[in-house]
Amino acid sequence: MTRRVDRASRLLLLLGCAVSVAGVVVLAVEAARPVSFGWFAYAPLSDTVFTADGLHVLSTASLVGAVVVVIGLLLVAACLGYRRGARRRP
C-alpha cells in the first residue's frame, strides 16, 4: 500500500469514527429531552376507542442522529474492509 493510500485510509477511518461519535452524541442529547406532541382525532359517530399499541414517537433530531451513526459505521466498515483486503508488497 502506498503512503498516500494509507494516509487516505487512516483519514477515512478517523472521519468515520468522528461521524459515529457525533451521531451518538446527538442521540444522547435527544434522548434526554422529553418529546411532546399533540394528537387530536375526531370521530363523531364512532363508539370505538382507538388505542395505538406499540406507538413510538421519534423526533427528527433523533432520526438524524441514528442515520449519522449508521453512515459513520459504514465508513468505518468500508475503510477496515479495504485495509484488510488490500494486497501488501512482499
PDB file of N, CA and C in Angstrom:
ATOM      1  N   MET A   1       0.848  -1.167   0.000  1.00  0.00           N
ATOM      2  CA  MET A   1       0.000   0.000   0.000  1.00  0.00           C
ATOM      3  C   MET A   1       0.898   1.236   0.000  1.00  0.00           C
ATOM      4  N   THR A   2       0.609   2.168  -0.833  1.00  0.00           N
ATOM      5  CA  THR A   2       1.425   3.371  -0.879  1.00  0.00           C
ATOM      6  C   THR A   2       1.104   4.263   0.308  1.00  0.00           C
ATOM      7  N   ARG A   3       1.988   5.200   0.537  1.00  0.00           N
ATOM      8  CA  ARG A   3       1.777   6.096   1.675  1.00  0.00           C
ATOM      9  C   ARG A   3       0.535   6.954   1.496  1.00  0.00           C
ATOM     10  N   ARG A   4       0.289   7.367   0.268  1.00  0.00           N
ATOM     11  CA  ARG A   4      -0.877   8.220   0.019  1.00  0.00           C
ATOM     12  C   ARG A   4      -2.183   7.465   0.288  1.00  0.00           C
ATOM     13  N   VAL A   5      -2.259   6.229  -0.161  1.00  0.00           N
ATOM     14  CA  VAL A   5      -3.455   5.420   0.065  1.00  0.00           C
ATOM     15  C   VAL A   5      -3.590   5.095   1.543  1.00  0.00           C
ATOM     16  N   ASP A   6      -2.468   4.805   2.199  1.00  0.00           N
ATOM     17  CA  ASP A   6      -2.500   4.512   3.629  1.00  0.00           C
ATOM     18  C   ASP A   6      -2.959   5.740   4.423  1.00  0.00           C
ATOM     19  N   ARG A   7      -2.477   6.895   4.055  1.00  0.00           N
ATOM     20  CA  ARG A   7      -2.879   8.132   4.735  1.00  0.00           C
ATOM     21  C   ARG A   7      -4.364   8.429   4.501  1.00  0.00           C
ATOM     22  N   ALA A   8      -4.825   8.224   3.276  1.00  0.00           N
ATOM     23  CA  ALA A   8      -6.245   8.448   2.971  1.00  0.00           C
ATOM     24  C   ALA A   8      -7.111   7.444   3.719  1.00  0.00           C
ATOM     25  N   SER A   9      -6.632   6.211   3.834  1.00  0.00           N
ATOM     26  CA  SER A   9      -7.381   5.195   4.554  1.00  0.00           C
ATOM     27  C   SER A   9      -7.495   5.543   6.037  1.00  0.00           C
ATOM     28  N   ARG A  10      -6.409   6.002   6.618  1.00  0.00           N
ATOM     29  CA  ARG A  10      -6.450   6.416   8.031  1.00  0.00           C
ATOM     30  C   ARG A  10      -7.364   7.615   8.236  1.00  0.00           C
ATOM     31  N   LEU A  11      -7.303   8.568   7.302  1.00  0.00           N
ATOM     32  CA  LEU A  11      -8.160   9.744   7.400  1.00  0.00           C
ATOM     33  C   LEU A  11      -9.630   9.345   7.302  1.00  0.00           C
ATOM     34  N   LEU A  12      -9.945   8.426   6.406  1.00  0.00           N
ATOM     35  CA  LEU A  12     -11.320   7.957   6.261  1.00  0.00           C
ATOM     36  C   LEU A  12     -11.778   7.206   7.506  1.00  0.00           C
ATOM     37  N   LEU A  13     -10.879   6.441   8.106  1.00  0.00           N
ATOM     38  CA  LEU A  13     -11.200   5.731   9.341  1.00  0.00           C
ATOM     39  C   LEU A  13     -11.486   6.716  10.475  1.00  0.00           C
ATOM     40  N   LEU A  14     -10.659   7.733  10.606  1.00  0.00           N
ATOM     41  CA  LEU A  14     -10.887   8.749  11.638  1.00  0.00           C
ATOM     42  C   LEU A  14     -12.168   9.538  11.382  1.00  0.00           C
ATOM     43  N   LEU A  15     -12.440   9.828  10.122  1.00  0.00           N
ATOM     44  CA  LEU A  15     -13.669  10.533   9.780  1.00  0.00           C
ATOM     45  C   LEU A  15     -14.890   9.697  10.123  1.00  0.00           C
ATOM     46  N   GLY A  16     -14.844   8.410   9.818  1.00  0.00           N
ATOM     47  CA  GLY A  16     -15.953   7.523  10.148  1.00  0.00           C
ATOM     48  C   GLY A  16     -16.177   7.432  11.647  1.00  0.00           C
ATOM     49  N   CYS A  17     -15.081   7.354  12.402  1.00  0.00           N
ATOM     50  CA  CYS A  17     -15.210   7.311  13.870  1.00  0.00           C
ATOM     51  C   CYS A  17     -15.798   8.616  14.405  1.00  0.00           C
ATOM     52  N   ALA A  18     -15.330   9.734  13.869  1.00  0.00           N
ATOM     53  CA  ALA A  18     -15.835  11.028  14.328  1.00  0.00           C
ATOM     54  C   ALA A  18     -17.318  11.200  14.000  1.00  0.00           C
ATOM     55  N   VAL A  19     -17.725  10.760  12.819  1.00  0.00           N
ATOM     56  CA  VAL A  19     -19.132  10.859  12.430  1.00  0.00           C
ATOM     57  C   VAL A  19     -19.993   9.967  13.326  1.00  0.00           C
ATOM     58  N   SER A  20     -19.503   8.779  13.634  1.00  0.00           N
ATOM     59  CA  SER A  20     -20.255   7.879  14.511  1.00  0.00           C
ATOM     60  C   SER A  20     -20.407   8.469  15.909  1.00  0.00           C
ATOM     61  N   VAL A  21     -19.334   9.034  16.435  1.00  0.00           N
ATOM     62  CA  VAL A  21     -19.395   9.651  17.769  1.00  0.00           C
ATOM     63  C   VAL A  21     -20.354  10.838  17.758  1.00  0.00           C
ATOM     64  N   ALA A  22     -20.325  11.633  16.704  1.00  0.00           N
ATOM     65  CA  ALA A  22     -21.239  12.775  16.616  1.00  0.00           C
ATOM     66  C   ALA A  22     -22.692  12.303  16.590  1.00  0.00           C
ATOM     67  N   GLY A  23     -22.968  11.238  15.875  1.00  0.00           N
ATOM     68  CA  GLY A  23     -24.326  10.702  15.847  1.00  0.00           C
ATOM     69  C   GLY A  23     -24.770  10.182  17.200  1.00  0.00           C
ATOM     70  N   VAL A  24     -23.866   9.533  17.923  1.00  0.00           N
ATOM     71  CA  VAL A  24     -24.199   9.039  19.262  1.00  0.00           C
ATOM     72  C   VAL A  24     -24.461  10.204  20.211  1.00  0.00           C
ATOM     73  N   VAL A  25     -23.691  11.277  20.075  1.00  0.00           N
ATOM     74  CA  VAL A  25     -23.914  12.459  20.914  1.00  0.00           C
ATOM     75  C   VAL A  25     -25.284  13.067  20.626  1.00  0.00           C
ATOM     76  N   VAL A  26     -25.645  13.169  19.357  1.00  0.00           N
ATOM     77  CA  VAL A  26     -26.967  13.705  19.001  1.00  0.00           C
ATOM     78  C   VAL A  26     -28.070  12.824  19.572  1.00  0.00           C
ATOM     79  N   LEU A  27     -27.904  11.515  19.473  1.00  0.00           N
ATOM     80  CA  LEU A  27     -28.905  10.611  20.040  1.00  0.00           C
ATOM     81  C   LEU A  27     -28.996  10.746  21.555  1.00  0.00           C
ATOM     82  N   ALA A  28     -27.860  10.901  22.223  1.00  0.00           N
ATOM     83  CA  ALA A  28     -27.867  11.033  23.684  1.00  0.00           C
ATOM     84  C   ALA A  28     -28.524  12.326  24.122  1.00  0.00           C
ATOM     85  N   VAL A  29     -28.260  13.402  23.408  1.00  0.00           N
ATOM     86  CA  VAL A  29     -28.874  14.688  23.755  1.00  0.00           C
ATOM     87  C   VAL A  29     -30.375  14.633  23.533  1.00  0.00           C
ATOM     88  N   GLU A  30     -30.791  14.018  22.446  1.00  0.00           N
ATOM     89  CA  GLU A  30     -32.215  13.940  22.153  1.00  0.00           C
ATOM     90  C   GLU A  30     -32.943  12.975  23.079  1.00  0.00           C
ATOM     91  N   ALA A  31     -32.255  11.952  23.553  1.00  0.00           N
ATOM     92  CA  ALA A  31     -32.891  11.011  24.476  1.00  0.00           C
ATOM     93  C   ALA A  31     -33.147  11.660  25.827  1.00  0.00           C
ATOM     94  N   ALA A  32     -32.340  12.649  26.175  1.00  0.00           N
ATOM     95  CA  ALA A  32     -32.508  13.327  27.460  1.00  0.00           C
ATOM     96  C   ALA A  32     -33.689  14.295  27.433  1.00  0.00           C
ATOM     97  N   ARG A  33     -34.044  14.759  26.247  1.00  0.00           N
ATOM     98  CA  ARG A  33     -35.159  15.705  26.114  1.00  0.00           C
ATOM     99  C   ARG A  33     -36.481  14.969  25.950  1.00  0.00           C
ATOM    100  N   PRO A  34     -37.500  15.361  26.706  1.00  0.00           N
ATOM    101  CA  PRO A  34     -38.797  14.710  26.504  1.00  0.00           C
ATOM    102  C   PRO A  34     -39.436  15.172  25.190  1.00  0.00           C
ATOM    103  N   VAL A  35     -40.096  14.242  24.553  1.00  0.00           N
ATOM    104  CA  VAL A  35     -40.776  14.547  23.290  1.00  0.00           C
ATOM    105  C   VAL A  35     -42.237  14.821  23.603  1.00  0.00           C
ATOM    106  N   SER A  36     -42.698  15.990  23.225  1.00  0.00           N
ATOM    107  CA  SER A  36     -44.099  16.317  23.445  1.00  0.00           C
ATOM    108  C   SER A  36     -44.763  16.538  22.085  1.00  0.00           C
ATOM    109  N   PHE A  37     -45.938  16.043  21.965  1.00  0.00           N
ATOM    110  CA  PHE A  37     -46.674  16.218  20.730  1.00  0.00           C
ATOM    111  C   PHE A  37     -48.160  16.205  21.063  1.00  0.00           C
ATOM    112  N   GLY A  38     -48.927  16.722  20.176  1.00  0.00           N
ATOM    113  CA  GLY A  38     -50.367  16.724  20.363  1.00  0.00           C
ATOM    114  C   GLY A  38     -51.036  15.924  19.267  1.00  0.00           C
ATOM    115  N   TRP A  39     -52.091  15.262  19.653  1.00  0.00           N
ATOM    116  CA  TRP A  39     -52.793  14.456  18.679  1.00  0.00           C
ATOM    117  C   TRP A  39     -54.277  14.663  18.919  1.00  0.00           C
ATOM    118  N   PHE A  40     -54.969  15.085  17.889  1.00  0.00           N
ATOM    119  CA  PHE A  40     -56.399  15.309  18.001  1.00  0.00           C
ATOM    120  C   PHE A  40     -57.082  14.452  16.953  1.00  0.00           C
ATOM    121  N   ALA A  41     -57.934  13.591  17.399  1.00  0.00           N
ATOM    122  CA  ALA A  41     -58.688  12.748  16.473  1.00  0.00           C
ATOM    123  C   ALA A  41     -60.178  12.929  16.771  1.00  0.00           C
ATOM    124  N   TYR A  42     -60.969  13.081  15.738  1.00  0.00           N
ATOM    125  CA  TYR A  42     -62.386  13.328  15.916  1.00  0.00           C
ATOM    126  C   TYR A  42     -63.168  12.286  15.138  1.00  0.00           C
ATOM    127  N   ALA A  43     -63.910  11.511  15.856  1.00  0.00           N
ATOM    128  CA  ALA A  43     -64.775  10.522  15.223  1.00  0.00           C
ATOM    129  C   ALA A  43     -66.163  10.664  15.841  1.00  0.00           C
ATOM    130  N   PRO A  44     -67.020  11.500  15.267  1.00  0.00           N
ATOM    131  CA  PRO A  44     -68.282  11.834  15.925  1.00  0.00           C
ATOM    132  C   PRO A  44     -69.274  10.676  16.020  1.00  0.00           C
ATOM    133  N   LEU A  45     -69.302   9.762  15.080  1.00  0.00           N
ATOM    134  CA  LEU A  45     -70.307   8.716  15.083  1.00  0.00           C
ATOM    135  C   LEU A  45     -69.750   7.351  15.467  1.00  0.00           C
ATOM    136  N   SER A  46     -68.587   7.336  16.055  1.00  0.00           N
ATOM    137  CA  SER A  46     -67.955   6.063  16.378  1.00  0.00           C
ATOM    138  C   SER A  46     -68.042   5.805  17.878  1.00  0.00           C
ATOM    139  N   ASP A  47     -68.378   4.558  18.236  1.00  0.00           N
ATOM    140  CA  ASP A  47     -68.410   4.178  19.638  1.00  0.00           C
ATOM    141  C   ASP A  47     -67.144   3.436  20.052  1.00  0.00           C
ATOM    142  N   THR A  48     -66.224   3.236  19.124  1.00  0.00           N
ATOM    143  CA  THR A  48     -64.998   2.519  19.452  1.00  0.00           C
ATOM    144  C   THR A  48     -63.909   3.499  19.870  1.00  0.00           C
ATOM    145  N   VAL A  49     -63.005   2.985  20.645  1.00  0.00           N
ATOM    146  CA  VAL A  49     -61.878   3.796  21.113  1.00  0.00           C
ATOM    147  C   VAL A  49     -60.621   3.327  20.402  1.00  0.00           C
ATOM    148  N   PHE A  50     -59.886   4.256  19.845  1.00  0.00           N
ATOM    149  CA  PHE A  50     -58.647   3.923  19.151  1.00  0.00           C
ATOM    150  C   PHE A  50     -57.497   3.935  20.148  1.00  0.00           C
ATOM    151  N   THR A  51     -56.796   2.830  20.222  1.00  0.00           N
ATOM    152  CA  THR A  51     -55.587   2.758  21.026  1.00  0.00           C
ATOM    153  C   THR A  51     -54.447   2.347  20.116  1.00  0.00           C
ATOM    154  N   ALA A  52     -53.375   3.090  20.166  1.00  0.00           N
ATOM    155  CA  ALA A  52     -52.210   2.800  19.336  1.00  0.00           C
ATOM    156  C   ALA A  52     -51.212   2.006  20.162  1.00  0.00           C
ATOM    157  N   ASP A  53     -51.284   0.691  20.062  1.00  0.00           N
ATOM    158  CA  ASP A  53     -50.361  -0.167  20.792  1.00  0.00           C
ATOM    159  C   ASP A  53     -49.006  -0.165  20.097  1.00  0.00           C
ATOM    160  N   GLY A  54     -47.978   0.002  20.881  1.00  0.00           N
ATOM    161  CA  GLY A  54     -46.624  -0.031  20.335  1.00  0.00           C
ATOM    162  C   GLY A  54     -46.248   1.205  19.550  1.00  0.00           C
ATOM    163  N   LEU A  55     -46.870   2.326  19.804  1.00  0.00           N
ATOM    164  CA  LEU A  55     -46.565   3.556  19.090  1.00  0.00           C
ATOM    165  C   LEU A  55     -45.282   4.156  19.651  1.00  0.00           C
ATOM    166  N   HIS A  56     -44.330   4.385  18.786  1.00  0.00           N
ATOM    167  CA  HIS A  56     -43.078   5.006  19.184  1.00  0.00           C
ATOM    168  C   HIS A  56     -42.960   6.344  18.471  1.00  0.00           C
ATOM    169  N   VAL A  57     -42.724   7.359  19.233  1.00  0.00           N
ATOM    170  CA  VAL A  57     -42.593   8.689  18.658  1.00  0.00           C
ATOM    171  C   VAL A  57     -41.127   9.081  18.705  1.00  0.00           C
ATOM    172  N   LEU A  58     -40.551   9.334  17.537  1.00  0.00           N
ATOM    173  CA  LEU A  58     -39.159   9.760  17.447  1.00  0.00           C
ATOM    174  C   LEU A  58     -39.111  11.157  16.875  1.00  0.00           C
ATOM    175  N   SER A  59     -38.279  11.973  17.457  1.00  0.00           N
ATOM    176  CA  SER A  59     -38.130  13.321  16.930  1.00  0.00           C
ATOM    177  C   SER A  59     -37.249  13.282  15.684  1.00  0.00           C
ATOM    178  N   THR A  60     -37.283  14.350  14.935  1.00  0.00           N
ATOM    179  CA  THR A  60     -36.481  14.434  13.720  1.00  0.00           C
ATOM    180  C   THR A  60     -34.995  14.380  14.056  1.00  0.00           C
ATOM    181  N   ALA A  61     -34.602  15.033  15.131  1.00  0.00           N
ATOM    182  CA  ALA A  61     -33.185  15.046  15.508  1.00  0.00           C
ATOM    183  C   ALA A  61     -32.696  13.647  15.889  1.00  0.00           C
ATOM    184  N   SER A  62     -33.531  12.853  16.546  1.00  0.00           N
ATOM    185  CA  SER A  62     -33.095  11.506  16.899  1.00  0.00           C
ATOM    186  C   SER A  62     -32.996  10.616  15.655  1.00  0.00           C
ATOM    187  N   LEU A  63     -33.864  10.817  14.691  1.00  0.00           N
ATOM    188  CA  LEU A  63     -33.751  10.076  13.433  1.00  0.00           C
ATOM    189  C   LEU A  63     -32.491  10.472  12.676  1.00  0.00           C
ATOM    190  N   VAL A  64     -32.182  11.763  12.658  1.00  0.00           N
ATOM    191  CA  VAL A  64     -30.954  12.234  12.003  1.00  0.00           C
ATOM    192  C   VAL A  64     -29.733  11.663  12.717  1.00  0.00           C
ATOM    193  N   GLY A  65     -29.762  11.633  14.046  1.00  0.00           N
ATOM    194  CA  GLY A  65     -28.654  11.059  14.804  1.00  0.00           C
ATOM    195  C   GLY A  65     -28.444   9.597  14.478  1.00  0.00           C
ATOM    196  N   ALA A  66     -29.525   8.842  14.358  1.00  0.00           N
ATOM    197  CA  ALA A  66     -29.415   7.427  14.019  1.00  0.00           C
ATOM    198  C   ALA A  66     -28.840   7.237  12.614  1.00  0.00           C
ATOM    199  N   VAL A  67     -29.266   8.061  11.680  1.00  0.00           N
ATOM    200  CA  VAL A  67     -28.741   7.966  10.315  1.00  0.00           C
ATOM    201  C   VAL A  67     -27.256   8.322  10.284  1.00  0.00           C
ATOM    202  N   VAL A  68     -26.856   9.326  11.057  1.00  0.00           N
ATOM    203  CA  VAL A  68     -25.448   9.724  11.109  1.00  0.00           C
ATOM    204  C   VAL A  68     -24.598   8.604  11.706  1.00  0.00           C
ATOM    205  N   VAL A  69     -25.103   7.934  12.733  1.00  0.00           N
ATOM    206  CA  VAL A  69     -24.379   6.800  13.311  1.00  0.00           C
ATOM    207  C   VAL A  69     -24.195   5.699  12.271  1.00  0.00           C
ATOM    208  N   VAL A  70     -25.230   5.390  11.532  1.00  0.00           N
ATOM    209  CA  VAL A  70     -25.148   4.338  10.514  1.00  0.00           C
ATOM    210  C   VAL A  70     -24.155   4.719   9.416  1.00  0.00           C
ATOM    211  N   ILE A  71     -24.176   5.969   8.978  1.00  0.00           N
ATOM    212  CA  ILE A  71     -23.227   6.417   7.946  1.00  0.00           C
ATOM    213  C   ILE A  71     -21.796   6.321   8.460  1.00  0.00           C
ATOM    214  N   GLY A  72     -21.576   6.734   9.689  1.00  0.00           N
ATOM    215  CA  GLY A  72     -20.237   6.636  10.270  1.00  0.00           C
ATOM    216  C   GLY A  72     -19.765   5.202  10.376  1.00  0.00           C
ATOM    217  N   LEU A  73     -20.641   4.300  10.809  1.00  0.00           N
ATOM    218  CA  LEU A  73     -20.262   2.893  10.908  1.00  0.00           C
ATOM    219  C   LEU A  73     -20.007   2.277   9.539  1.00  0.00           C
ATOM    220  N   LEU A  74     -20.752   2.711   8.528  1.00  0.00           N
ATOM    221  CA  LEU A  74     -20.489   2.238   7.174  1.00  0.00           C
ATOM    222  C   LEU A  74     -19.126   2.710   6.676  1.00  0.00           C
ATOM    223  N   LEU A  75     -18.758   3.943   6.997  1.00  0.00           N
ATOM    224  CA  LEU A  75     -17.433   4.449   6.625  1.00  0.00           C
ATOM    225  C   LEU A  75     -16.329   3.637   7.302  1.00  0.00           C
ATOM    226  N   VAL A  76     -16.501   3.361   8.578  1.00  0.00           N
ATOM    227  CA  VAL A  76     -15.506   2.581   9.309  1.00  0.00           C
ATOM    228  C   VAL A  76     -15.403   1.171   8.728  1.00  0.00           C
ATOM    229  N   ALA A  77     -16.540   0.546   8.457  1.00  0.00           N
ATOM    230  CA  ALA A  77     -16.526  -0.804   7.898  1.00  0.00           C
ATOM    231  C   ALA A  77     -15.881  -0.829   6.515  1.00  0.00           C
ATOM    232  N   ALA A  78     -16.170   0.156   5.690  1.00  0.00           N
ATOM    233  CA  ALA A  78     -15.578   0.203   4.356  1.00  0.00           C
ATOM    234  C   ALA A  78     -14.069   0.391   4.438  1.00  0.00           C
ATOM    235  N   CYS A  79     -13.638   1.254   5.325  1.00  0.00           N
ATOM    236  CA  CYS A  79     -12.209   1.514   5.477  1.00  0.00           C
ATOM    237  C   CYS A  79     -11.483   0.283   6.001  1.00  0.00           C
ATOM    238  N   LEU A  80     -12.024  -0.360   7.019  1.00  0.00           N
ATOM    239  CA  LEU A  80     -11.386  -1.553   7.565  1.00  0.00           C
ATOM    240  C   LEU A  80     -11.404  -2.704   6.559  1.00  0.00           C
ATOM    241  N   GLY A  81     -12.477  -2.830   5.803  1.00  0.00           N
ATOM    242  CA  GLY A  81     -12.534  -3.853   4.769  1.00  0.00           C
ATOM    243  C   GLY A  81     -11.527  -3.612   3.664  1.00  0.00           C
ATOM    244  N   TYR A  82     -11.346  -2.361   3.284  1.00  0.00           N
ATOM    245  CA  TYR A  82     -10.360  -2.029   2.258  1.00  0.00           C
ATOM    246  C   TYR A  82      -8.949  -2.322   2.760  1.00  0.00           C
ATOM    247  N   ARG A  83      -8.675  -1.922   3.993  1.00  0.00           N
ATOM    248  CA  ARG A  83      -7.339  -2.157   4.554  1.00  0.00           C
ATOM    249  C   ARG A  83      -7.067  -3.654   4.717  1.00  0.00           C
ATOM    250  N   ARG A  84      -8.075  -4.403   5.075  1.00  0.00           N
ATOM    251  CA  ARG A  84      -7.902  -5.847   5.260  1.00  0.00           C
ATOM    252  C   ARG A  84      -7.701  -6.548   3.919  1.00  0.00           C
ATOM    253  N   GLY A  85      -8.396  -6.095   2.902  1.00  0.00           N
ATOM    254  CA  GLY A  85      -8.343  -6.758   1.609  1.00  0.00           C
ATOM    255  C   GLY A  85      -7.247  -6.264   0.683  1.00  0.00           C
ATOM    256  N   ALA A  86      -6.591  -5.166   1.024  1.00  0.00           N
ATOM    257  CA  ALA A  86      -5.553  -4.609   0.146  1.00  0.00           C
ATOM    258  C   ALA A  86      -4.332  -5.521   0.143  1.00  0.00           C
ATOM    259  N   ARG A  87      -3.751  -5.683  -1.013  1.00  0.00           N
ATOM    260  CA  ARG A  87      -2.561  -6.528  -1.133  1.00  0.00           C
ATOM    261  C   ARG A  87      -1.353  -5.774  -0.590  1.00  0.00           C
ATOM    262  N   ARG A  88      -0.519  -6.497   0.063  1.00  0.00           N
ATOM    263  CA  ARG A  88       0.728  -5.942   0.601  1.00  0.00           C
ATOM    264  C   ARG A  88       1.887  -6.378  -0.295  1.00  0.00           C
ATOM    265  N   ARG A  89       2.846  -5.497  -0.453  1.00  0.00           N
ATOM    266  CA  ARG A  89       4.038  -5.859  -1.192  1.00  0.00           C
ATOM    267  C   ARG A  89       4.962  -6.669  -0.299  1.00  0.00           C
ATOM    268  N   PRO A  90       5.551  -7.713  -0.831  1.00  0.00           N
ATOM    269  CA  PRO A  90       6.456  -8.535  -0.003  1.00  0.00           C
ATOM    270  C   PRO A  90       7.765  -7.837   0.315  1.00  0.00           C
TER     271      PRO A  90
END
